[in-house]
Amino acid sequence: MNATTEMRWIVLGTDGRHVSLGRTEPSEAAIATASDALTAQQLSG
């Protein structure tokens, strides 16, 4: 696989930290889980 064509879904925090949600479109549950984790770390805006 050519690295320039690989697509990943990530959540990017305001401080530059990031979490990969995988290569396929994330589910609503995965997005909600990531959002809750950011909120718990006071990184949501």
PDB file of N, CA and C in Angstrom:
ATOM      1  N   MET A   1       0.842  -1.183   0.000  1.00  0.00           N
ATOM      2  CA  MET A   1       0.000   0.000   0.000  1.00  0.00           C
ATOM      3  C   MET A   1       0.885   1.243   0.000  1.00  0.00           C
ATOM      4  N   ASN A   2       0.521   2.186  -0.791  1.00  0.00           N
ATOM      5  CA  ASN A   2       1.247   3.452  -0.874  1.00  0.00           C
ATOM      6  C   ASN A   2       0.811   4.343   0.289  1.00  0.00           C
ATOM      7  N   ALA A   3       1.729   4.759   1.113  1.00  0.00           N
ATOM      8  CA  ALA A   3       1.411   5.555   2.301  1.00  0.00           C
ATOM      9  C   ALA A   3       0.740   6.882   1.951  1.00  0.00           C
ATOM     10  N   THR A   4       0.955   7.383   0.757  1.00  0.00           N
ATOM     11  CA  THR A   4       0.345   8.667   0.401  1.00  0.00           C
ATOM     12  C   THR A   4      -1.131   8.533   0.088  1.00  0.00           C
ATOM     13  N   THR A   5      -1.635   7.314  -0.100  1.00  0.00           N
ATOM     14  CA  THR A   5      -3.052   7.137  -0.399  1.00  0.00           C
ATOM     15  C   THR A   5      -3.826   6.536   0.764  1.00  0.00           C
ATOM     16  N   GLU A   6      -3.167   6.279   1.869  1.00  0.00           N
ATOM     17  CA  GLU A   6      -3.834   5.693   3.028  1.00  0.00           C
ATOM     18  C   GLU A   6      -4.655   6.744   3.749  1.00  0.00           C
ATOM     19  N   MET A   7      -5.918   6.434   4.017  1.00  0.00           N
ATOM     20  CA  MET A   7      -6.788   7.357   4.734  1.00  0.00           C
ATOM     21  C   MET A   7      -7.022   6.840   6.146  1.00  0.00           C
ATOM     22  N   ARG A   8      -6.906   7.721   7.115  1.00  0.00           N
ATOM     23  CA  ARG A   8      -7.212   7.402   8.506  1.00  0.00           C
ATOM     24  C   ARG A   8      -8.117   8.476   9.083  1.00  0.00           C
ATOM     25  N   TRP A   9      -8.977   8.064   9.984  1.00  0.00           N
ATOM     26  CA  TRP A   9      -9.829   8.987  10.720  1.00  0.00           C
ATOM     27  C   TRP A   9      -9.179   9.233  12.072  1.00  0.00           C
ATOM     28  N   ILE A  10      -8.999  10.496  12.436  1.00  0.00           N
ATOM     29  CA  ILE A  10      -8.391  10.827  13.723  1.00  0.00           C
ATOM     30  C   ILE A  10      -9.225  11.873  14.436  1.00  0.00           C
ATOM     31  N   VAL A  11      -9.027  11.956  15.731  1.00  0.00           N
ATOM     32  CA  VAL A  11      -9.539  13.055  16.541  1.00  0.00           C
ATOM     33  C   VAL A  11      -8.313  13.840  16.954  1.00  0.00           C
ATOM     34  N   LEU A  12      -8.296  15.117  16.656  1.00  0.00           N
ATOM     35  CA  LEU A  12      -7.155  15.978  16.941  1.00  0.00           C
ATOM     36  C   LEU A  12      -7.522  16.944  18.055  1.00  0.00           C
ATOM     37  N   GLY A  13      -6.749  16.895  19.139  1.00  0.00           N
ATOM     38  CA  GLY A  13      -6.977  17.804  20.248  1.00  0.00           C
ATOM     39  C   GLY A  13      -6.384  19.171  19.979  1.00  0.00           C
ATOM     40  N   THR A  14      -6.831  20.164  20.721  1.00  0.00           N
ATOM     41  CA  THR A  14      -6.353  21.534  20.534  1.00  0.00           C
ATOM     42  C   THR A  14      -4.870  21.674  20.833  1.00  0.00           C
ATOM     43  N   ASP A  15      -4.323  20.734  21.628  1.00  0.00           N
ATOM     44  CA  ASP A  15      -2.905  20.797  21.961  1.00  0.00           C
ATOM     45  C   ASP A  15      -2.046  19.931  21.033  1.00  0.00           C
ATOM     46  N   GLY A  16      -2.652  19.358  19.999  1.00  0.00           N
ATOM     47  CA  GLY A  16      -1.909  18.556  19.040  1.00  0.00           C
ATOM     48  C   GLY A  16      -1.957  17.063  19.273  1.00  0.00           C
ATOM     49  N   ARG A  17      -2.424  16.645  20.446  1.00  0.00           N
ATOM     50  CA  ARG A  17      -2.556  15.199  20.674  1.00  0.00           C
ATOM     51  C   ARG A  17      -3.632  14.650  19.751  1.00  0.00           C
ATOM     52  N   HIS A  18      -3.485  13.392  19.383  1.00  0.00           N
ATOM     53  CA  HIS A  18      -4.450  12.793  18.482  1.00  0.00           C
ATOM     54  C   HIS A  18      -4.672  11.327  18.810  1.00  0.00           C
ATOM     55  N   VAL A  19      -5.839  10.845  18.387  1.00  0.00           N
ATOM     56  CA  VAL A  19      -6.211   9.448  18.552  1.00  0.00           C
ATOM     57  C   VAL A  19      -6.719   8.964  17.205  1.00  0.00           C
ATOM     58  N   SER A  20      -6.227   7.817  16.766  1.00  0.00           N
ATOM     59  CA  SER A  20      -6.685   7.230  15.509  1.00  0.00           C
ATOM     60  C   SER A  20      -7.971   6.455  15.756  1.00  0.00           C
ATOM     61  N   LEU A  21      -8.981   6.708  14.909  1.00  0.00           N
ATOM     62  CA  LEU A  21     -10.234   5.961  14.986  1.00  0.00           C
ATOM     63  C   LEU A  21     -10.262   4.848  13.951  1.00  0.00           C
ATOM     64  N   GLY A  22      -9.212   4.698  13.180  1.00  0.00           N
ATOM     65  CA  GLY A  22      -9.113   3.603  12.221  1.00  0.00           C
ATOM     66  C   GLY A  22      -9.128   4.070  10.785  1.00  0.00           C
ATOM     67  N   ARG A  23      -9.209   3.087   9.896  1.00  0.00           N
ATOM     68  CA  ARG A  23      -9.152   3.363   8.461  1.00  0.00           C
ATOM     69  C   ARG A  23     -10.536   3.450   7.824  1.00  0.00           C
ATOM     70  N   THR A  24     -11.544   2.951   8.499  1.00  0.00           N
ATOM     71  CA  THR A  24     -12.905   3.033   7.967  1.00  0.00           C
ATOM     72  C   THR A  24     -13.656   4.137   8.691  1.00  0.00           C
ATOM     73  N   GLU A  25     -14.733   4.602   8.087  1.00  0.00           N
ATOM     74  CA  GLU A  25     -15.505   5.680   8.701  1.00  0.00           C
ATOM     75  C   GLU A  25     -15.975   5.251  10.084  1.00  0.00           C
ATOM     76  N   PRO A  26     -15.697   6.060  11.110  1.00  0.00           N
ATOM     77  CA  PRO A  26     -16.044   5.662  12.483  1.00  0.00           C
ATOM     78  C   PRO A  26     -17.548   5.707  12.717  1.00  0.00           C
ATOM     79  N   SER A  27     -18.000   4.871  13.633  1.00  0.00           N
ATOM     80  CA  SER A  27     -19.410   4.860  14.008  1.00  0.00           C
ATOM     81  C   SER A  27     -19.704   6.052  14.914  1.00  0.00           C
ATOM     82  N   GLU A  28     -20.968   6.348  15.053  1.00  0.00           N
ATOM     83  CA  GLU A  28     -21.378   7.420  15.977  1.00  0.00           C
ATOM     84  C   GLU A  28     -20.910   7.102  17.394  1.00  0.00           C
ATOM     85  N   ALA A  29     -20.947   5.825  17.764  1.00  0.00           N
ATOM     86  CA  ALA A  29     -20.518   5.418  19.110  1.00  0.00           C
ATOM     87  C   ALA A  29     -19.026   5.682  19.310  1.00  0.00           C
ATOM     88  N   ALA A  30     -18.216   5.403  18.294  1.00  0.00           N
ATOM     89  CA  ALA A  30     -16.775   5.644  18.403  1.00  0.00           C
ATOM     90  C   ALA A  30     -16.487   7.134  18.536  1.00  0.00           C
ATOM     91  N   ILE A  31     -17.217   7.947  17.796  1.00  0.00           N
ATOM     92  CA  ILE A  31     -17.043   9.398  17.887  1.00  0.00           C
ATOM     93  C   ILE A  31     -17.468   9.895  19.266  1.00  0.00           C
ATOM     94  N   ALA A  32     -18.576   9.382  19.771  1.00  0.00           N
ATOM     95  CA  ALA A  32     -19.050   9.789  21.095  1.00  0.00           C
ATOM     96  C   ALA A  32     -18.061   9.392  22.182  1.00  0.00           C
ATOM     97  N   THR A  33     -17.480   8.202  22.061  1.00  0.00           N
ATOM     98  CA  THR A  33     -16.485   7.747  23.037  1.00  0.00           C
ATOM     99  C   THR A  33     -15.265   8.658  23.028  1.00  0.00           C
ATOM    100  N   ALA A  34     -14.785   9.006  21.843  1.00  0.00           N
ATOM    101  CA  ALA A  34     -13.632   9.900  21.729  1.00  0.00           C
ATOM    102  C   ALA A  34     -13.968  11.282  22.290  1.00  0.00           C
ATOM    103  N   SER A  35     -15.162  11.761  22.002  1.00  0.00           N
ATOM    104  CA  SER A  35     -15.593  13.062  22.513  1.00  0.00           C
ATOM    105  C   SER A  35     -15.648  13.065  24.040  1.00  0.00           C
ATOM    106  N   ASP A  36     -16.198  12.007  24.602  1.00  0.00           N
ATOM    107  CA  ASP A  36     -16.269  11.899  26.063  1.00  0.00           C
ATOM    108  C   ASP A  36     -14.881  11.854  26.691  1.00  0.00           C
ATOM    109  N   ALA A  37     -13.948  11.160  26.033  1.00  0.00           N
ATOM    110  CA  ALA A  37     -12.580  11.078  26.560  1.00  0.00           C
ATOM    111  C   ALA A  37     -11.908  12.446  26.515  1.00  0.00           C
ATOM    112  N   LEU A  38     -12.131  13.197  25.444  1.00  0.00           N
ATOM    113  CA  LEU A  38     -11.564  14.556  25.370  1.00  0.00           C
ATOM    114  C   LEU A  38     -12.164  15.451  26.443  1.00  0.00           C
ATOM    115  N   THR A  39     -13.462  15.340  26.654  1.00  0.00           N
ATOM    116  CA  THR A  39     -14.122  16.139  27.685  1.00  0.00           C
ATOM    117  C   THR A  39     -13.557  15.809  29.069  1.00  0.00           C
ATOM    118  N   ALA A  40     -13.323  14.544  29.330  1.00  0.00           N
ATOM    119  CA  ALA A  40     -12.784  14.111  30.630  1.00  0.00           C
ATOM    120  C   ALA A  40     -11.394  14.691  30.872  1.00  0.00           C
ATOM    121  N   GLN A  41     -10.654  14.936  29.786  1.00  0.00           N
ATOM    122  CA  GLN A  41      -9.311  15.497  29.908  1.00  0.00           C
ATOM    123  C   GLN A  41      -9.311  17.015  29.728  1.00  0.00           C
ATOM    124  N   GLN A  42     -10.488  17.588  29.704  1.00  0.00           N
ATOM    125  CA  GLN A  42     -10.690  19.045  29.523  1.00  0.00           C
ATOM    126  C   GLN A  42     -10.047  19.553  28.241  1.00  0.00           C
ATOM    127  N   LEU A  43     -10.182  18.758  27.144  1.00  0.00           N
ATOM    128  CA  LEU A  43      -9.628  19.154  25.847  1.00  0.00           C
ATOM    129  C   LEU A  43     -10.710  19.480  24.833  1.00  0.00           C
ATOM    130  N   SER A  44     -11.968  19.504  25.243  1.00  0.00           N
ATOM    131  CA  SER A  44     -13.022  19.842  24.292  1.00  0.00           C
ATOM    132  C   SER A  44     -13.308  21.324  24.358  1.00  0.00           C
ATOM    133  N   GLY A  45     -13.831  21.835  23.258  1.00  0.00           N
ATOM    134  CA  GLY A  45     -14.054  23.272  23.194  1.00  0.00           C
ATOM    135  C   GLY A  45     -15.448  23.704  23.074  1.00  0.00           C
TER     136      GLY A  45
END
